[in-house]
N, C-alpha and C. Protein backbone atom coordinates (compact mmCIF):
# COMPACT_ATOMS: atom_id res chain seq x y z
N MET A 1 114.01 81.83 83.18
CA MET A 1 114.98 81.11 83.96
C MET A 1 115.21 81.84 85.28
N ALA A 2 115.47 81.10 86.31
CA ALA A 2 115.65 81.69 87.64
C ALA A 2 116.97 82.44 87.73
N ASN A 3 116.99 83.42 88.58
CA ASN A 3 118.20 84.17 88.83
C ASN A 3 119.22 83.26 89.50
N GLN A 4 120.40 83.14 88.95
CA GLN A 4 121.39 82.19 89.45
C GLN A 4 122.28 82.77 90.54
N THR A 5 122.03 83.98 90.98
CA THR A 5 122.88 84.59 92.00
C THR A 5 122.47 84.20 93.41
N GLY A 6 121.42 83.44 93.57
CA GLY A 6 120.97 83.03 94.90
C GLY A 6 119.99 84.00 95.53
N ASP A 7 119.51 84.95 94.77
CA ASP A 7 118.53 85.91 95.28
C ASP A 7 117.13 85.33 95.09
N PRO A 8 116.43 84.98 96.18
CA PRO A 8 115.11 84.39 96.02
C PRO A 8 114.02 85.40 95.68
N GLY A 9 114.36 86.68 95.66
CA GLY A 9 113.36 87.70 95.35
C GLY A 9 112.38 87.90 96.50
N SER A 10 111.13 88.06 96.17
CA SER A 10 110.14 88.32 97.21
C SER A 10 109.37 87.06 97.62
N ALA A 11 109.76 85.90 97.11
CA ALA A 11 109.05 84.66 97.44
C ALA A 11 109.02 84.36 98.94
N PRO A 12 110.13 84.52 99.68
CA PRO A 12 110.05 84.25 101.13
C PRO A 12 109.06 85.17 101.85
N PHE A 13 108.90 86.37 101.35
CA PHE A 13 107.99 87.31 102.01
C PHE A 13 106.54 86.99 101.69
N PHE A 14 106.29 86.44 100.50
CA PHE A 14 104.94 85.94 100.20
C PHE A 14 104.61 84.76 101.12
N LEU A 15 105.58 83.88 101.32
CA LEU A 15 105.36 82.75 102.24
C LEU A 15 105.15 83.24 103.67
N ALA A 16 105.90 84.26 104.06
CA ALA A 16 105.73 84.83 105.41
C ALA A 16 104.35 85.46 105.55
N ALA A 17 103.89 86.15 104.51
CA ALA A 17 102.55 86.75 104.57
C ALA A 17 101.48 85.66 104.69
N ALA A 18 101.64 84.57 103.95
CA ALA A 18 100.67 83.47 104.04
C ALA A 18 100.73 82.81 105.41
N GLY A 19 101.93 82.64 105.94
CA GLY A 19 102.07 82.05 107.28
C GLY A 19 101.48 82.92 108.36
N GLY A 20 101.69 84.23 108.24
CA GLY A 20 101.10 85.15 109.21
C GLY A 20 99.59 85.13 109.16
N ALA A 21 99.04 85.05 107.94
CA ALA A 21 97.58 84.96 107.80
C ALA A 21 97.06 83.67 108.43
N PHE A 22 97.82 82.59 108.29
CA PHE A 22 97.42 81.32 108.93
C PHE A 22 97.40 81.48 110.45
N PHE A 23 98.45 82.07 111.01
CA PHE A 23 98.50 82.26 112.47
C PHE A 23 97.36 83.15 112.94
N TRP A 24 97.06 84.21 112.18
CA TRP A 24 95.94 85.08 112.57
C TRP A 24 94.61 84.36 112.45
N GLY A 25 94.48 83.47 111.48
CA GLY A 25 93.25 82.68 111.36
C GLY A 25 93.05 81.76 112.54
N VAL A 26 94.13 81.10 112.95
CA VAL A 26 94.03 80.22 114.13
C VAL A 26 93.74 81.05 115.38
N ALA A 27 94.36 82.22 115.48
CA ALA A 27 94.09 83.09 116.63
C ALA A 27 92.64 83.53 116.66
N TYR A 28 92.06 83.81 115.49
CA TYR A 28 90.65 84.18 115.43
C TYR A 28 89.76 83.03 115.92
N VAL A 29 90.04 81.83 115.42
CA VAL A 29 89.21 80.68 115.81
C VAL A 29 89.34 80.41 117.30
N LEU A 30 90.56 80.49 117.83
CA LEU A 30 90.74 80.25 119.26
C LEU A 30 90.19 81.39 120.11
N GLY A 31 90.33 82.62 119.64
CA GLY A 31 89.93 83.77 120.45
C GLY A 31 88.44 84.03 120.46
N PHE A 32 87.82 83.99 119.30
CA PHE A 32 86.40 84.31 119.23
C PHE A 32 85.51 83.07 119.28
N ASN A 33 86.10 81.91 119.08
CA ASN A 33 85.43 80.62 119.29
C ASN A 33 84.12 80.49 118.50
N PRO A 34 84.16 80.70 117.17
CA PRO A 34 82.91 80.54 116.41
C PRO A 34 82.49 79.08 116.37
N ARG A 35 81.22 78.83 116.65
CA ARG A 35 80.65 77.47 116.66
C ARG A 35 81.43 76.50 117.54
N GLU A 36 82.07 77.01 118.57
CA GLU A 36 82.83 76.20 119.52
C GLU A 36 84.03 75.51 118.88
N TYR A 37 84.50 76.02 117.74
CA TYR A 37 85.65 75.39 117.08
C TYR A 37 86.92 75.53 117.90
N GLY A 38 87.07 76.65 118.60
CA GLY A 38 88.26 76.86 119.41
C GLY A 38 88.39 75.85 120.53
N THR A 39 87.30 75.60 121.25
CA THR A 39 87.37 74.61 122.33
C THR A 39 87.50 73.21 121.75
N ARG A 40 86.94 72.96 120.59
CA ARG A 40 87.14 71.65 119.95
C ARG A 40 88.61 71.44 119.60
N MET A 41 89.25 72.49 119.08
CA MET A 41 90.66 72.37 118.75
C MET A 41 91.49 72.10 120.00
N MET A 42 91.18 72.79 121.07
CA MET A 42 91.94 72.58 122.31
C MET A 42 91.68 71.20 122.89
N ARG A 43 90.44 70.73 122.83
CA ARG A 43 90.16 69.37 123.30
C ARG A 43 90.90 68.34 122.46
N PHE A 44 90.98 68.57 121.15
CA PHE A 44 91.73 67.68 120.28
C PHE A 44 93.21 67.69 120.66
N PHE A 45 93.74 68.87 120.97
CA PHE A 45 95.13 68.98 121.41
C PHE A 45 95.36 68.18 122.68
N TYR A 46 94.46 68.35 123.65
CA TYR A 46 94.62 67.64 124.92
C TYR A 46 94.38 66.14 124.77
N SER A 47 93.53 65.73 123.85
CA SER A 47 93.30 64.29 123.67
C SER A 47 94.52 63.60 123.07
N ALA A 48 95.37 64.37 122.37
CA ALA A 48 96.58 63.81 121.79
C ALA A 48 97.76 63.91 122.73
N SER A 49 97.60 64.56 123.87
CA SER A 49 98.70 64.72 124.82
C SER A 49 98.46 63.82 126.03
N PRO A 50 99.49 63.60 126.82
CA PRO A 50 99.31 62.75 128.02
C PRO A 50 98.60 63.46 129.16
N HIS A 51 98.24 64.73 129.00
CA HIS A 51 97.58 65.47 130.07
C HIS A 51 96.06 65.27 129.99
N GLN A 52 95.41 65.46 131.12
CA GLN A 52 93.95 65.36 131.15
C GLN A 52 93.33 66.63 130.59
N VAL A 53 92.17 66.50 130.00
CA VAL A 53 91.44 67.67 129.50
C VAL A 53 90.94 68.45 130.72
N PRO A 54 91.29 69.75 130.81
CA PRO A 54 90.84 70.52 131.96
C PRO A 54 89.34 70.80 131.90
N ASP A 55 88.81 71.31 133.01
CA ASP A 55 87.39 71.66 133.03
C ASP A 55 87.12 72.81 132.06
N ARG A 56 85.87 73.10 131.82
CA ARG A 56 85.48 74.07 130.78
C ARG A 56 86.04 75.47 131.05
N HIS A 57 86.01 75.91 132.29
CA HIS A 57 86.49 77.26 132.61
C HIS A 57 87.99 77.37 132.33
N SER A 58 88.77 76.40 132.77
CA SER A 58 90.21 76.42 132.52
C SER A 58 90.52 76.29 131.04
N LEU A 59 89.71 75.49 130.35
CA LEU A 59 89.92 75.30 128.92
C LEU A 59 89.69 76.61 128.16
N ILE A 60 88.69 77.38 128.56
CA ILE A 60 88.42 78.65 127.89
C ILE A 60 89.57 79.62 128.10
N TRP A 61 90.11 79.69 129.31
CA TRP A 61 91.22 80.60 129.56
C TRP A 61 92.47 80.16 128.83
N ARG A 62 92.73 78.87 128.78
CA ARG A 62 93.90 78.39 128.04
C ARG A 62 93.72 78.62 126.55
N THR A 63 92.50 78.50 126.06
CA THR A 63 92.23 78.78 124.66
C THR A 63 92.51 80.24 124.34
N ARG A 64 92.12 81.13 125.22
CA ARG A 64 92.38 82.56 125.00
C ARG A 64 93.87 82.86 125.07
N LEU A 65 94.59 82.17 125.96
CA LEU A 65 96.04 82.35 126.04
C LEU A 65 96.70 81.90 124.74
N PHE A 66 96.30 80.75 124.23
CA PHE A 66 96.82 80.27 122.95
C PHE A 66 96.48 81.25 121.83
N ALA A 67 95.29 81.84 121.87
CA ALA A 67 94.90 82.82 120.85
C ALA A 67 95.81 84.03 120.89
N ALA A 68 96.14 84.50 122.07
CA ALA A 68 97.03 85.66 122.20
C ALA A 68 98.42 85.33 121.66
N VAL A 69 98.91 84.15 121.96
CA VAL A 69 100.23 83.75 121.48
C VAL A 69 100.23 83.63 119.96
N TYR A 70 99.20 83.00 119.39
CA TYR A 70 99.12 82.88 117.94
C TYR A 70 98.99 84.25 117.29
N PHE A 71 98.27 85.18 117.90
CA PHE A 71 98.14 86.52 117.35
C PHE A 71 99.49 87.22 117.33
N LEU A 72 100.25 87.12 118.43
CA LEU A 72 101.55 87.78 118.49
C LEU A 72 102.54 87.17 117.51
N VAL A 73 102.53 85.86 117.36
CA VAL A 73 103.41 85.22 116.38
C VAL A 73 103.02 85.65 114.97
N GLY A 74 101.72 85.69 114.69
CA GLY A 74 101.26 86.15 113.38
C GLY A 74 101.67 87.60 113.11
N ALA A 75 101.59 88.44 114.13
CA ALA A 75 101.99 89.83 113.97
C ALA A 75 103.48 89.95 113.68
N ALA A 76 104.29 89.14 114.35
CA ALA A 76 105.73 89.16 114.10
C ALA A 76 106.06 88.70 112.69
N VAL A 77 105.40 87.65 112.23
CA VAL A 77 105.64 87.14 110.89
C VAL A 77 105.16 88.14 109.84
N GLU A 78 104.02 88.75 110.07
CA GLU A 78 103.53 89.76 109.12
C GLU A 78 104.43 90.99 109.10
N THR A 79 105.03 91.34 110.23
CA THR A 79 105.96 92.46 110.26
C THR A 79 107.16 92.18 109.37
N ILE A 80 107.69 90.97 109.45
CA ILE A 80 108.81 90.59 108.58
C ILE A 80 108.38 90.62 107.12
N ALA A 81 107.18 90.16 106.83
CA ALA A 81 106.70 90.16 105.44
C ALA A 81 106.58 91.58 104.91
N VAL A 82 106.00 92.48 105.69
CA VAL A 82 105.81 93.86 105.24
C VAL A 82 107.17 94.55 105.07
N LEU A 83 108.07 94.36 106.02
CA LEU A 83 109.41 94.96 105.88
C LEU A 83 110.14 94.41 104.67
N GLY A 84 109.93 93.13 104.38
CA GLY A 84 110.55 92.54 103.19
C GLY A 84 109.99 93.12 101.91
N PHE A 85 108.69 93.32 101.86
CA PHE A 85 108.08 93.91 100.67
C PHE A 85 108.55 95.35 100.47
N LEU A 86 108.81 96.05 101.59
CA LEU A 86 109.30 97.43 101.49
C LEU A 86 110.79 97.52 101.23
N GLY A 87 111.47 96.37 101.25
CA GLY A 87 112.92 96.35 101.02
C GLY A 87 113.75 96.71 102.22
N LYS A 88 113.17 96.65 103.40
CA LYS A 88 113.90 97.02 104.62
C LYS A 88 114.32 95.81 105.45
N PHE A 89 114.10 94.60 104.94
CA PHE A 89 114.49 93.39 105.67
C PHE A 89 115.28 92.51 104.74
N PRO A 90 116.38 91.96 105.12
CA PRO A 90 117.05 92.12 106.41
C PRO A 90 117.73 93.49 106.50
N PRO A 91 117.82 94.02 107.72
CA PRO A 91 118.44 95.34 107.87
C PRO A 91 119.92 95.28 107.49
N SER A 92 120.38 96.30 106.83
CA SER A 92 121.79 96.30 106.43
C SER A 92 122.57 97.41 107.08
């Protein structure tokens, strides 16, 4: 039976670890562009938006910018997950 005191245990930190891994995976695809998947993802993003698809050079730089942002978000989420596993989050 679940703990009735409202303590979720380490489940949120497992979800944070999985979310961080997802962000790092997207950052890898956008940053290293294996099989042109990164530019395909960005073209798909632009095809769903009201903006025009930029030329290839601009698209590559925007893809790298998105990769950096996804990497930083993934690092922040993984930091919370690791601190939670160590019992240091939330700080008291």
